[in-house]
Amino acid sequence: PHVAHAARLIRTHALAGATIKELAAQVPVSRSALFRRFKEHL
């Protein structure tokens, strides 16, 4: 669910100039864990 949440945030806010750091802060896991899970699933 955290990867799905992050991917949804990216699709919603990417065109507005949002950065990965800003978006990752809205996902309730550590940045390193999110990046690892993101790579694993997608």
PDB file of all heavy atoms in Angstrom:
ATOM      1  N   PRO A   1       0.814  -1.229   0.000  1.00  0.00           N
ATOM      2  CA  PRO A   1       0.000   0.000   0.000  1.00  0.00           C
ATOM      3  C   PRO A   1       0.844   1.274   0.000  1.00  0.00           C
ATOM      4  O   PRO A   1       0.420   2.294  -0.526  1.00  0.00           O
ATOM      5  CB  PRO A   1      -0.823  -0.123   1.284  1.00  0.00           C
ATOM      6  CG  PRO A   1      -0.043  -1.065   2.153  1.00  0.00           C
ATOM      7  CD  PRO A   1       0.621  -2.014   1.221  1.00  0.00           C
ATOM      8  N   HIS A   2       2.047   1.231   0.585  1.00  0.00           N
ATOM      9  CA  HIS A   2       2.891   2.425   0.614  1.00  0.00           C
ATOM     10  C   HIS A   2       3.444   2.738  -0.770  1.00  0.00           C
ATOM     11  O   HIS A   2       3.528   3.912  -1.173  1.00  0.00           O
ATOM     12  CB  HIS A   2       4.019   2.232   1.621  1.00  0.00           C
ATOM     13  CG  HIS A   2       3.557   2.032   3.027  1.00  0.00           C
ATOM     14  ND1 HIS A   2       2.668   2.898   3.642  1.00  0.00           N
ATOM     15  CD2 HIS A   2       3.835   1.062   3.939  1.00  0.00           C
ATOM     16  CE1 HIS A   2       2.426   2.474   4.879  1.00  0.00           C
ATOM     17  NE2 HIS A   2       3.119   1.371   5.080  1.00  0.00           N
ATOM     18  N   VAL A   3       3.807   1.691  -1.524  1.00  0.00           N
ATOM     19  CA  VAL A   3       4.276   1.892  -2.891  1.00  0.00           C
ATOM     20  C   VAL A   3       3.144   2.428  -3.753  1.00  0.00           C
ATOM     21  O   VAL A   3       3.335   3.349  -4.560  1.00  0.00           O
ATOM     22  CB  VAL A   3       4.843   0.587  -3.476  1.00  0.00           C
ATOM     23  CG1 VAL A   3       5.190   0.762  -4.957  1.00  0.00           C
ATOM     24  CG2 VAL A   3       6.078   0.148  -2.702  1.00  0.00           C
ATOM     25  N   ALA A   4       1.951   1.842  -3.605  1.00  0.00           N
ATOM     26  CA  ALA A   4       0.799   2.311  -4.378  1.00  0.00           C
ATOM     27  C   ALA A   4       0.489   3.771  -4.056  1.00  0.00           C
ATOM     28  O   ALA A   4       0.178   4.568  -4.953  1.00  0.00           O
ATOM     29  CB  ALA A   4      -0.410   1.434  -4.081  1.00  0.00           C
ATOM     30  N   HIS A   5       0.594   4.135  -2.755  1.00  0.00           N
ATOM     31  CA  HIS A   5       0.345   5.519  -2.343  1.00  0.00           C
ATOM     32  C   HIS A   5       1.375   6.449  -2.969  1.00  0.00           C
ATOM     33  O   HIS A   5       1.035   7.516  -3.501  1.00  0.00           O
ATOM     34  CB  HIS A   5       0.400   5.601  -0.813  1.00  0.00           C
ATOM     35  CG  HIS A   5       0.098   6.966  -0.276  1.00  0.00           C
ATOM     36  ND1 HIS A   5       0.507   7.385   0.973  1.00  0.00           N
ATOM     37  CD2 HIS A   5      -0.561   8.013  -0.825  1.00  0.00           C
ATOM     38  CE1 HIS A   5       0.112   8.628   1.168  1.00  0.00           C
ATOM     39  NE2 HIS A   5      -0.543   9.029   0.095  1.00  0.00           N
ATOM     40  N   ALA A   6       2.639   6.051  -2.938  1.00  0.00           N
ATOM     41  CA  ALA A   6       3.698   6.885  -3.506  1.00  0.00           C
ATOM     42  C   ALA A   6       3.518   7.063  -5.010  1.00  0.00           C
ATOM     43  O   ALA A   6       3.684   8.165  -5.542  1.00  0.00           O
ATOM     44  CB  ALA A   6       5.062   6.265  -3.204  1.00  0.00           C
ATOM     45  N   ALA A   7       3.180   5.979  -5.706  1.00  0.00           N
ATOM     46  CA  ALA A   7       2.978   6.058  -7.160  1.00  0.00           C
ATOM     47  C   ALA A   7       1.816   6.973  -7.489  1.00  0.00           C
ATOM     48  O   ALA A   7       1.856   7.736  -8.464  1.00  0.00           O
ATOM     49  CB  ALA A   7       2.749   4.664  -7.723  1.00  0.00           C
ATOM     50  N   ARG A   8       0.758   6.924  -6.676  1.00  0.00           N
ATOM     51  CA  ARG A   8      -0.399   7.773  -6.907  1.00  0.00           C
ATOM     52  C   ARG A   8      -0.042   9.254  -6.677  1.00  0.00           C
ATOM     53  O   ARG A   8      -0.470  10.132  -7.426  1.00  0.00           O
ATOM     54  CB  ARG A   8      -1.544   7.343  -5.986  1.00  0.00           C
ATOM     55  CG  ARG A   8      -2.898   7.927  -6.349  1.00  0.00           C
ATOM     56  CD  ARG A   8      -4.008   7.338  -5.500  1.00  0.00           C
ATOM     57  NE  ARG A   8      -4.127   5.905  -5.687  1.00  0.00           N
ATOM     58  CZ  ARG A   8      -3.868   4.990  -4.749  1.00  0.00           C
ATOM     59  NH1 ARG A   8      -3.474   5.365  -3.541  1.00  0.00           N
ATOM     60  NH2 ARG A   8      -4.006   3.710  -5.008  1.00  0.00           N
ATOM     61  N   LEU A   9       0.766   9.515  -5.651  1.00  0.00           N
ATOM     62  CA  LEU A   9       1.215  10.885  -5.397  1.00  0.00           C
ATOM     63  C   LEU A   9       2.046  11.413  -6.561  1.00  0.00           C
ATOM     64  O   LEU A   9       1.907  12.574  -6.969  1.00  0.00           O
ATOM     65  CB  LEU A   9       2.040  10.929  -4.107  1.00  0.00           C
ATOM     66  CG  LEU A   9       1.274  10.801  -2.788  1.00  0.00           C
ATOM     67  CD1 LEU A   9       2.252  10.639  -1.628  1.00  0.00           C
ATOM     68  CD2 LEU A   9       0.384  12.019  -2.561  1.00  0.00           C
ATOM     69  N   ILE A  10       2.909  10.559  -7.102  1.00  0.00           N
ATOM     70  CA  ILE A  10       3.743  10.974  -8.235  1.00  0.00           C
ATOM     71  C   ILE A  10       2.876  11.327  -9.427  1.00  0.00           C
ATOM     72  O   ILE A  10       3.060  12.367 -10.074  1.00  0.00           O
ATOM     73  CB  ILE A  10       4.749   9.862  -8.587  1.00  0.00           C
ATOM     74  CG1 ILE A  10       5.822   9.753  -7.496  1.00  0.00           C
ATOM     75  CG2 ILE A  10       5.399  10.127  -9.948  1.00  0.00           C
ATOM     76  CD1 ILE A  10       6.737   8.557  -7.648  1.00  0.00           C
ATOM     77  N   ARG A  11       1.893  10.477  -9.758  1.00  0.00           N
ATOM     78  CA  ARG A  11       1.034  10.750 -10.911  1.00  0.00           C
ATOM     79  C   ARG A  11       0.217  12.023 -10.714  1.00  0.00           C
ATOM     80  O   ARG A  11      -0.058  12.750 -11.659  1.00  0.00           O
ATOM     81  CB  ARG A  11       0.095   9.565 -11.160  1.00  0.00           C
ATOM     82  CG  ARG A  11       0.777   8.318 -11.662  1.00  0.00           C
ATOM     83  CD  ARG A  11      -0.231   7.341 -12.237  1.00  0.00           C
ATOM     84  NE  ARG A  11      -1.279   7.024 -11.299  1.00  0.00           N
ATOM     85  CZ  ARG A  11      -1.199   6.077 -10.363  1.00  0.00           C
ATOM     86  NH1 ARG A  11      -0.081   5.384 -10.227  1.00  0.00           N
ATOM     87  NH2 ARG A  11      -2.206   5.842  -9.553  1.00  0.00           N
ATOM     88  N   THR A  12      -0.159  12.289  -9.461  1.00  0.00           N
ATOM     89  CA  THR A  12      -1.012  13.449  -9.181  1.00  0.00           C
ATOM     90  C   THR A  12      -0.239  14.753  -9.181  1.00  0.00           C
ATOM     91  O   THR A  12      -0.737  15.786  -9.646  1.00  0.00           O
ATOM     92  CB  THR A  12      -1.715  13.263  -7.823  1.00  0.00           C
ATOM     93  OG1 THR A  12      -2.464  12.039  -7.840  1.00  0.00           O
ATOM     94  CG2 THR A  12      -2.662  14.424  -7.534  1.00  0.00           C
ATOM     95  N   HIS A  13       1.009  14.729  -8.693  1.00  0.00           N
ATOM     96  CA  HIS A  13       1.720  15.987  -8.448  1.00  0.00           C
ATOM     97  C   HIS A  13       2.974  16.187  -9.301  1.00  0.00           C
ATOM     98  O   HIS A  13       3.603  17.240  -9.205  1.00  0.00           O
ATOM     99  CB  HIS A  13       2.113  16.056  -6.971  1.00  0.00           C
ATOM    100  CG  HIS A  13       0.945  16.013  -6.037  1.00  0.00           C
ATOM    101  ND1 HIS A  13       0.055  17.058  -5.904  1.00  0.00           N
ATOM    102  CD2 HIS A  13       0.498  15.025  -5.205  1.00  0.00           C
ATOM    103  CE1 HIS A  13      -0.884  16.729  -5.011  1.00  0.00           C
ATOM    104  NE2 HIS A  13      -0.639  15.510  -4.578  1.00  0.00           N
ATOM    105  N   ALA A  14       3.336  15.214 -10.121  1.00  0.00           N
ATOM    106  CA  ALA A  14       4.582  15.319 -10.900  1.00  0.00           C
ATOM    107  C   ALA A  14       4.591  16.547 -11.795  1.00  0.00           C
ATOM    108  O   ALA A  14       5.606  17.236 -11.902  1.00  0.00           O
ATOM    109  CB  ALA A  14       4.788  14.056 -11.732  1.00  0.00           C
ATOM    110  N   LEU A  15       3.468  16.828 -12.445  1.00  0.00           N
ATOM    111  CA  LEU A  15       3.435  17.919 -13.417  1.00  0.00           C
ATOM    112  C   LEU A  15       3.443  19.295 -12.754  1.00  0.00           C
ATOM    113  O   LEU A  15       3.666  20.305 -13.424  1.00  0.00           O
ATOM    114  CB  LEU A  15       2.208  17.787 -14.321  1.00  0.00           C
ATOM    115  CG  LEU A  15       2.056  16.450 -15.060  1.00  0.00           C
ATOM    116  CD1 LEU A  15       0.876  16.506 -16.007  1.00  0.00           C
ATOM    117  CD2 LEU A  15       3.332  16.083 -15.804  1.00  0.00           C
ATOM    118  N   ALA A  16       3.192  19.323 -11.463  1.00  0.00           N
ATOM    119  CA  ALA A  16       3.193  20.597 -10.738  1.00  0.00           C
ATOM    120  C   ALA A  16       4.581  20.947 -10.222  1.00  0.00           C
ATOM    121  O   ALA A  16       4.745  21.946  -9.519  1.00  0.00           O
ATOM    122  CB  ALA A  16       2.209  20.538  -9.582  1.00  0.00           C
ATOM    123  N   GLY A  17       5.578  20.117 -10.548  1.00  0.00           N
ATOM    124  CA  GLY A  17       6.944  20.413 -10.136  1.00  0.00           C
ATOM    125  C   GLY A  17       7.344  19.835  -8.803  1.00  0.00           C
ATOM    126  O   GLY A  17       8.400  20.181  -8.261  1.00  0.00           O
ATOM    127  N   ALA A  18       6.533  18.940  -8.247  1.00  0.00           N
ATOM    128  CA  ALA A  18       6.857  18.339  -6.955  1.00  0.00           C
ATOM    129  C   ALA A  18       8.137  17.510  -7.062  1.00  0.00           C
ATOM    130  O   ALA A  18       8.429  16.916  -8.097  1.00  0.00           O
ATOM    131  CB  ALA A  18       5.706  17.464  -6.477  1.00  0.00           C
ATOM    132  N   THR A  19       8.897  17.473  -5.973  1.00  0.00           N
ATOM    133  CA  THR A  19      10.116  16.679  -5.938  1.00  0.00           C
ATOM    134  C   THR A  19       9.853  15.351  -5.236  1.00  0.00           C
ATOM    135  O   THR A  19       8.887  15.212  -4.468  1.00  0.00           O
ATOM    136  CB  THR A  19      11.238  17.419  -5.194  1.00  0.00           C
ATOM    137  OG1 THR A  19      10.871  17.554  -3.808  1.00  0.00           O
ATOM    138  CG2 THR A  19      11.464  18.802  -5.799  1.00  0.00           C
ATOM    139  N   ILE A  20      10.744  14.394  -5.468  1.00  0.00           N
ATOM    140  CA  ILE A  20      10.608  13.094  -4.812  1.00  0.00           C
ATOM    141  C   ILE A  20      10.732  13.249  -3.293  1.00  0.00           C
ATOM    142  O   ILE A  20      10.019  12.593  -2.530  1.00  0.00           O
ATOM    143  CB  ILE A  20      11.666  12.108  -5.352  1.00  0.00           C
ATOM    144  CG1 ILE A  20      11.328  11.711  -6.792  1.00  0.00           C
ATOM    145  CG2 ILE A  20      11.747  10.857  -4.474  1.00  0.00           C
ATOM    146  CD1 ILE A  20       9.998  11.004  -6.949  1.00  0.00           C
ATOM    147  N   LYS A  21      11.606  14.144  -2.856  1.00  0.00           N
ATOM    148  CA  LYS A  21      11.760  14.363  -1.412  1.00  0.00           C
ATOM    149  C   LYS A  21      10.450  14.848  -0.799  1.00  0.00           C
ATOM    150  O   LYS A  21      10.028  14.371   0.264  1.00  0.00           O
ATOM    151  CB  LYS A  21      12.869  15.383  -1.169  1.00  0.00           C
ATOM    152  CG  LYS A  21      13.152  15.650   0.307  1.00  0.00           C
ATOM    153  CD  LYS A  21      14.294  16.647   0.469  1.00  0.00           C
ATOM    154  CE  LYS A  21      14.573  16.912   1.942  1.00  0.00           C
ATOM    155  NZ  LYS A  21      15.695  17.894   2.125  1.00  0.00           N
ATOM    156  N   GLU A  22       9.769  15.766  -1.478  1.00  0.00           N
ATOM    157  CA  GLU A  22       8.497  16.286  -0.970  1.00  0.00           C
ATOM    158  C   GLU A  22       7.422  15.204  -0.937  1.00  0.00           C
ATOM    159  O   GLU A  22       6.650  15.098   0.030  1.00  0.00           O
ATOM    160  CB  GLU A  22       8.029  17.441  -1.850  1.00  0.00           C
ATOM    161  CG  GLU A  22       8.912  18.689  -1.754  1.00  0.00           C
ATOM    162  CD  GLU A  22       8.595  19.715  -2.822  1.00  0.00           C
ATOM    163  OE1 GLU A  22       7.962  19.346  -3.846  1.00  0.00           O
ATOM    164  OE2 GLU A  22       8.986  20.883  -2.651  1.00  0.00           O
ATOM    165  N   LEU A  23       7.372  14.401  -1.977  1.00  0.00           N
ATOM    166  CA  LEU A  23       6.345  13.366  -2.052  1.00  0.00           C
ATOM    167  C   LEU A  23       6.626  12.226  -1.088  1.00  0.00           C
ATOM    168  O   LEU A  23       5.706  11.690  -0.455  1.00  0.00           O
ATOM    169  CB  LEU A  23       6.238  12.847  -3.485  1.00  0.00           C
ATOM    170  CG  LEU A  23       5.832  13.890  -4.545  1.00  0.00           C
ATOM    171  CD1 LEU A  23       5.806  13.267  -5.930  1.00  0.00           C
ATOM    172  CD2 LEU A  23       4.473  14.483  -4.214  1.00  0.00           C
ATOM    173  N   ALA A  24       7.894  11.836  -0.959  1.00  0.00           N
ATOM    174  CA  ALA A  24       8.245  10.739  -0.058  1.00  0.00           C
ATOM    175  C   ALA A  24       7.914  11.083   1.390  1.00  0.00           C
ATOM    176  O   ALA A  24       7.594  10.194   2.194  1.00  0.00           O
ATOM    177  CB  ALA A  24       9.724  10.402  -0.201  1.00  0.00           C
ATOM    178  N   ALA A  25       7.961  12.361   1.718  1.00  0.00           N
ATOM    179  CA  ALA A  25       7.652  12.783   3.082  1.00  0.00           C
ATOM    180  C   ALA A  25       6.193  12.531   3.446  1.00  0.00           C
ATOM    181  O   ALA A  25       5.837  12.495   4.634  1.00  0.00           O
ATOM    182  CB  ALA A  25       7.982  14.261   3.247  1.00  0.00           C
ATOM    183  N   GLN A  26       5.337  12.338   2.439  1.00  0.00           N
ATOM    184  CA  GLN A  26       3.911  12.095   2.699  1.00  0.00           C
ATOM    185  C   GLN A  26       3.583  10.611   2.854  1.00  0.00           C
ATOM    186  O   GLN A  26       2.439  10.253   3.103  1.00  0.00           O
ATOM    187  CB  GLN A  26       3.085  12.681   1.553  1.00  0.00           C
ATOM    188  CG  GLN A  26       3.274  14.176   1.351  1.00  0.00           C
ATOM    189  CD  GLN A  26       2.419  14.707   0.225  1.00  0.00           C
ATOM    190  OE1 GLN A  26       1.221  14.432   0.140  1.00  0.00           O
ATOM    191  NE2 GLN A  26       3.033  15.485  -0.663  1.00  0.00           N
ATOM    192  N   VAL A  27       4.582   9.733   2.704  1.00  0.00           N
ATOM    193  CA  VAL A  27       4.375   8.293   2.837  1.00  0.00           C
ATOM    194  C   VAL A  27       4.930   7.843   4.182  1.00  0.00           C
ATOM    195  O   VAL A  27       6.090   8.130   4.489  1.00  0.00           O
ATOM    196  CB  VAL A  27       5.067   7.529   1.688  1.00  0.00           C
ATOM    197  CG1 VAL A  27       4.775   6.039   1.781  1.00  0.00           C
ATOM    198  CG2 VAL A  27       4.592   8.073   0.340  1.00  0.00           C
ATOM    199  N   PRO A  28       4.139   7.134   5.001  1.00  0.00           N
ATOM    200  CA  PRO A  28       4.542   6.821   6.384  1.00  0.00           C
ATOM    201  C   PRO A  28       5.528   5.657   6.521  1.00  0.00           C
ATOM    202  O   PRO A  28       5.326   4.741   7.318  1.00  0.00           O
ATOM    203  CB  PRO A  28       3.201   6.504   7.049  1.00  0.00           C
ATOM    204  CG  PRO A  28       2.362   5.942   5.963  1.00  0.00           C
ATOM    205  CD  PRO A  28       2.753   6.724   4.729  1.00  0.00           C
ATOM    206  N   VAL A  29       6.595   5.660   5.712  1.00  0.00           N
ATOM    207  CA  VAL A  29       7.720   4.735   5.898  1.00  0.00           C
ATOM    208  C   VAL A  29       8.992   5.531   5.627  1.00  0.00           C
ATOM    209  O   VAL A  29       8.944   6.621   5.058  1.00  0.00           O
ATOM    210  CB  VAL A  29       7.655   3.516   4.949  1.00  0.00           C
ATOM    211  CG1 VAL A  29       6.475   2.620   5.277  1.00  0.00           C
ATOM    212  CG2 VAL A  29       7.606   3.961   3.496  1.00  0.00           C
ATOM    213  N   SER A  30      10.120   4.984   6.028  1.00  0.00           N
ATOM    214  CA  SER A  30      11.373   5.688   5.796  1.00  0.00           C
ATOM    215  C   SER A  30      11.636   5.798   4.300  1.00  0.00           C
ATOM    216  O   SER A  30      11.170   4.993   3.501  1.00  0.00           O
ATOM    217  CB  SER A  30      12.523   4.952   6.471  1.00  0.00           C
ATOM    218  OG  SER A  30      12.807   3.738   5.796  1.00  0.00           O
ATOM    219  N   ARG A  31      12.414   6.816   3.933  1.00  0.00           N
ATOM    220  CA  ARG A  31      12.702   7.037   2.518  1.00  0.00           C
ATOM    221  C   ARG A  31      13.445   5.854   1.907  1.00  0.00           C
ATOM    222  O   ARG A  31      13.144   5.433   0.790  1.00  0.00           O
ATOM    223  CB  ARG A  31      13.525   8.317   2.370  1.00  0.00           C
ATOM    224  CG  ARG A  31      13.741   8.745   0.927  1.00  0.00           C
ATOM    225  CD  ARG A  31      14.434  10.085   0.852  1.00  0.00           C
ATOM    226  NE  ARG A  31      14.719  10.451  -0.513  1.00  0.00           N
ATOM    227  CZ  ARG A  31      15.359  11.553  -0.873  1.00  0.00           C
ATOM    228  NH1 ARG A  31      15.773  12.397   0.065  1.00  0.00           N
ATOM    229  NH2 ARG A  31      15.583  11.820  -2.143  1.00  0.00           N
ATOM    230  N   SER A  32      14.413   5.306   2.653  1.00  0.00           N
ATOM    231  CA  SER A  32      15.180   4.171   2.123  1.00  0.00           C
ATOM    232  C   SER A  32      14.296   2.946   1.936  1.00  0.00           C
ATOM    233  O   SER A  32      14.419   2.225   0.943  1.00  0.00           O
ATOM    234  CB  SER A  32      16.341   3.848   3.056  1.00  0.00           C
ATOM    235  OG  SER A  32      15.870   3.506   4.358  1.00  0.00           O
ATOM    236  N   ALA A  33      13.372   2.715   2.883  1.00  0.00           N
ATOM    237  CA  ALA A  33      12.467   1.565   2.762  1.00  0.00           C
ATOM    238  C   ALA A  33      11.527   1.752   1.580  1.00  0.00           C
ATOM    239  O   ALA A  33      11.243   0.809   0.827  1.00  0.00           O
ATOM    240  CB  ALA A  33      11.671   1.390   4.048  1.00  0.00           C
ATOM    241  N   LEU A  34      11.036   2.980   1.394  1.00  0.00           N
ATOM    242  CA  LEU A  34      10.139   3.255   0.269  1.00  0.00           C
ATOM    243  C   LEU A  34      10.849   3.019  -1.053  1.00  0.00           C
ATOM    244  O   LEU A  34      10.293   2.390  -1.958  1.00  0.00           O
ATOM    245  CB  LEU A  34       9.628   4.691   0.349  1.00  0.00           C
ATOM    246  CG  LEU A  34       8.774   5.158  -0.838  1.00  0.00           C
ATOM    247  CD1 LEU A  34       7.498   4.325  -0.934  1.00  0.00           C
ATOM    248  CD2 LEU A  34       8.436   6.641  -0.706  1.00  0.00           C
ATOM    249  N   PHE A  35      12.083   3.508  -1.187  1.00  0.00           N
ATOM    250  CA  PHE A  35      12.816   3.354  -2.431  1.00  0.00           C
ATOM    251  C   PHE A  35      13.073   1.871  -2.714  1.00  0.00           C
ATOM    252  O   PHE A  35      12.976   1.425  -3.861  1.00  0.00           O
ATOM    253  CB  PHE A  35      14.136   4.127  -2.368  1.00  0.00           C
ATOM    254  CG  PHE A  35      13.990   5.603  -2.634  1.00  0.00           C
ATOM    255  CD1 PHE A  35      12.911   6.324  -2.128  1.00  0.00           C
ATOM    256  CD2 PHE A  35      14.927   6.285  -3.390  1.00  0.00           C
ATOM    257  CE1 PHE A  35      12.771   7.673  -2.361  1.00  0.00           C
ATOM    258  CE2 PHE A  35      14.797   7.640  -3.646  1.00  0.00           C
ATOM    259  CZ  PHE A  35      13.718   8.340  -3.124  1.00  0.00           C
ATOM    260  N   ARG A  36      13.419   1.125  -1.665  1.00  0.00           N
ATOM    261  CA  ARG A  36      13.678  -0.309  -1.849  1.00  0.00           C
ATOM    262  C   ARG A  36      12.412  -1.039  -2.287  1.00  0.00           C
ATOM    263  O   ARG A  36      12.433  -1.849  -3.220  1.00  0.00           O
ATOM    264  CB  ARG A  36      14.213  -0.903  -0.539  1.00  0.00           C
ATOM    265  CG  ARG A  36      14.621  -2.380  -0.668  1.00  0.00           C
ATOM    266  CD  ARG A  36      15.095  -2.946   0.646  1.00  0.00           C
ATOM    267  NE  ARG A  36      14.038  -3.039   1.644  1.00  0.00           N
ATOM    268  CZ  ARG A  36      13.922  -2.245   2.695  1.00  0.00           C
ATOM    269  NH1 ARG A  36      14.783  -1.263   2.899  1.00  0.00           N
ATOM    270  NH2 ARG A  36      12.926  -2.411   3.552  1.00  0.00           N
ATOM    271  N   ARG A  37      11.296  -0.738  -1.631  1.00  0.00           N
ATOM    272  CA  ARG A  37      10.035  -1.398  -1.984  1.00  0.00           C
ATOM    273  C   ARG A  37       9.562  -0.987  -3.377  1.00  0.00           C
ATOM    274  O   ARG A  37       9.026  -1.794  -4.120  1.00  0.00           O
ATOM    275  CB  ARG A  37       8.965  -1.040  -0.944  1.00  0.00           C
ATOM    276  CG  ARG A  37       9.207  -1.580   0.448  1.00  0.00           C
ATOM    277  CD  ARG A  37       8.034  -1.205   1.352  1.00  0.00           C
ATOM    278  NE  ARG A  37       8.270  -1.536   2.732  1.00  0.00           N
ATOM    279  CZ  ARG A  37       7.367  -1.360   3.700  1.00  0.00           C
ATOM    280  NH1 ARG A  37       6.178  -0.832   3.409  1.00  0.00           N
ATOM    281  NH2 ARG A  37       7.643  -1.692   4.945  1.00  0.00           N
ATOM    282  N   PHE A  38       9.740   0.279  -3.711  1.00  0.00           N
ATOM    283  CA  PHE A  38       9.330   0.786  -5.026  1.00  0.00           C
ATOM    284  C   PHE A  38      10.062   0.021  -6.128  1.00  0.00           C
ATOM    285  O   PHE A  38       9.465  -0.438  -7.103  1.00  0.00           O
ATOM    286  CB  PHE A  38       9.646   2.281  -5.111  1.00  0.00           C
ATOM    287  CG  PHE A  38       8.754   3.054  -6.045  1.00  0.00           C
ATOM    288  CD1 PHE A  38       7.670   3.765  -5.569  1.00  0.00           C
ATOM    289  CD2 PHE A  38       9.009   3.076  -7.406  1.00  0.00           C
ATOM    290  CE1 PHE A  38       6.845   4.482  -6.422  1.00  0.00           C
ATOM    291  CE2 PHE A  38       8.198   3.788  -8.276  1.00  0.00           C
ATOM    292  CZ  PHE A  38       7.111   4.494  -7.779  1.00  0.00           C
ATOM    293  N   LYS A  39      11.376  -0.113  -5.944  1.00  0.00           N
ATOM    294  CA  LYS A  39      12.189  -0.826  -6.930  1.00  0.00           C
ATOM    295  C   LYS A  39      11.775  -2.283  -7.009  1.00  0.00           C
ATOM    296  O   LYS A  39      11.682  -2.880  -8.101  1.00  0.00           O
ATOM    297  CB  LYS A  39      13.664  -0.718  -6.535  1.00  0.00           C
ATOM    298  CG  LYS A  39      14.635  -1.320  -7.520  1.00  0.00           C
ATOM    299  CD  LYS A  39      14.953  -0.359  -8.638  1.00  0.00           C
ATOM    300  CE  LYS A  39      16.073  -0.874  -9.515  1.00  0.00           C
ATOM    301  NZ  LYS A  39      16.384   0.043 -10.631  1.00  0.00           N
ATOM    302  N   GLU A  40      11.470  -2.881  -5.887  1.00  0.00           N
ATOM    303  CA  GLU A  40      11.081  -4.296  -5.840  1.00  0.00           C
ATOM    304  C   GLU A  40       9.767  -4.538  -6.567  1.00  0.00           C
ATOM    305  O   GLU A  40       9.621  -5.520  -7.307  1.00  0.00           O
ATOM    306  CB  GLU A  40      10.970  -4.732  -4.380  1.00  0.00           C
ATOM    307  CG  GLU A  40      10.492  -6.162  -4.179  1.00  0.00           C
ATOM    308  CD  GLU A  40      10.294  -6.504  -2.714  1.00  0.00           C
ATOM    309  OE1 GLU A  40      10.902  -5.815  -1.855  1.00  0.00           O
ATOM    310  OE2 GLU A  40       9.523  -7.437  -2.429  1.00  0.00           O
ATOM    311  N   HIS A  41       8.793  -3.660  -6.390  1.00  0.00           N
ATOM    312  CA  HIS A  41       7.461  -3.882  -6.944  1.00  0.00           C
ATOM    313  C   HIS A  41       7.301  -3.364  -8.373  1.00  0.00           C
ATOM    314  O   HIS A  41       6.583  -3.972  -9.177  1.00  0.00           O
ATOM    315  CB  HIS A  41       6.403  -3.236  -6.054  1.00  0.00           C
ATOM    316  CG  HIS A  41       6.142  -3.979  -4.788  1.00  0.00           C
ATOM    317  ND1 HIS A  41       5.277  -5.049  -4.720  1.00  0.00           N
ATOM    318  CD2 HIS A  41       6.650  -3.824  -3.534  1.00  0.00           C
ATOM    319  CE1 HIS A  41       5.243  -5.519  -3.478  1.00  0.00           C
ATOM    320  NE2 HIS A  41       6.060  -4.788  -2.732  1.00  0.00           N
ATOM    321  N   LEU A  42       7.934  -2.243  -8.701  1.00  0.00           N
ATOM    322  CA  LEU A  42       7.730  -1.636 -10.017  1.00  0.00           C
ATOM    323  C   LEU A  42       8.942  -1.722 -10.931  1.00  0.00           C
ATOM    324  O   LEU A  42       8.855  -1.385 -12.113  1.00  0.00           O
ATOM    325  CB  LEU A  42       7.315  -0.174  -9.856  1.00  0.00           C
ATOM    326  CG  LEU A  42       5.937   0.056  -9.213  1.00  0.00           C
ATOM    327  CD1 LEU A  42       5.646   1.542  -9.082  1.00  0.00           C
ATOM    328  CD2 LEU A  42       4.841  -0.628 -10.008  1.00  0.00           C
TER     329      LEU A  42
END
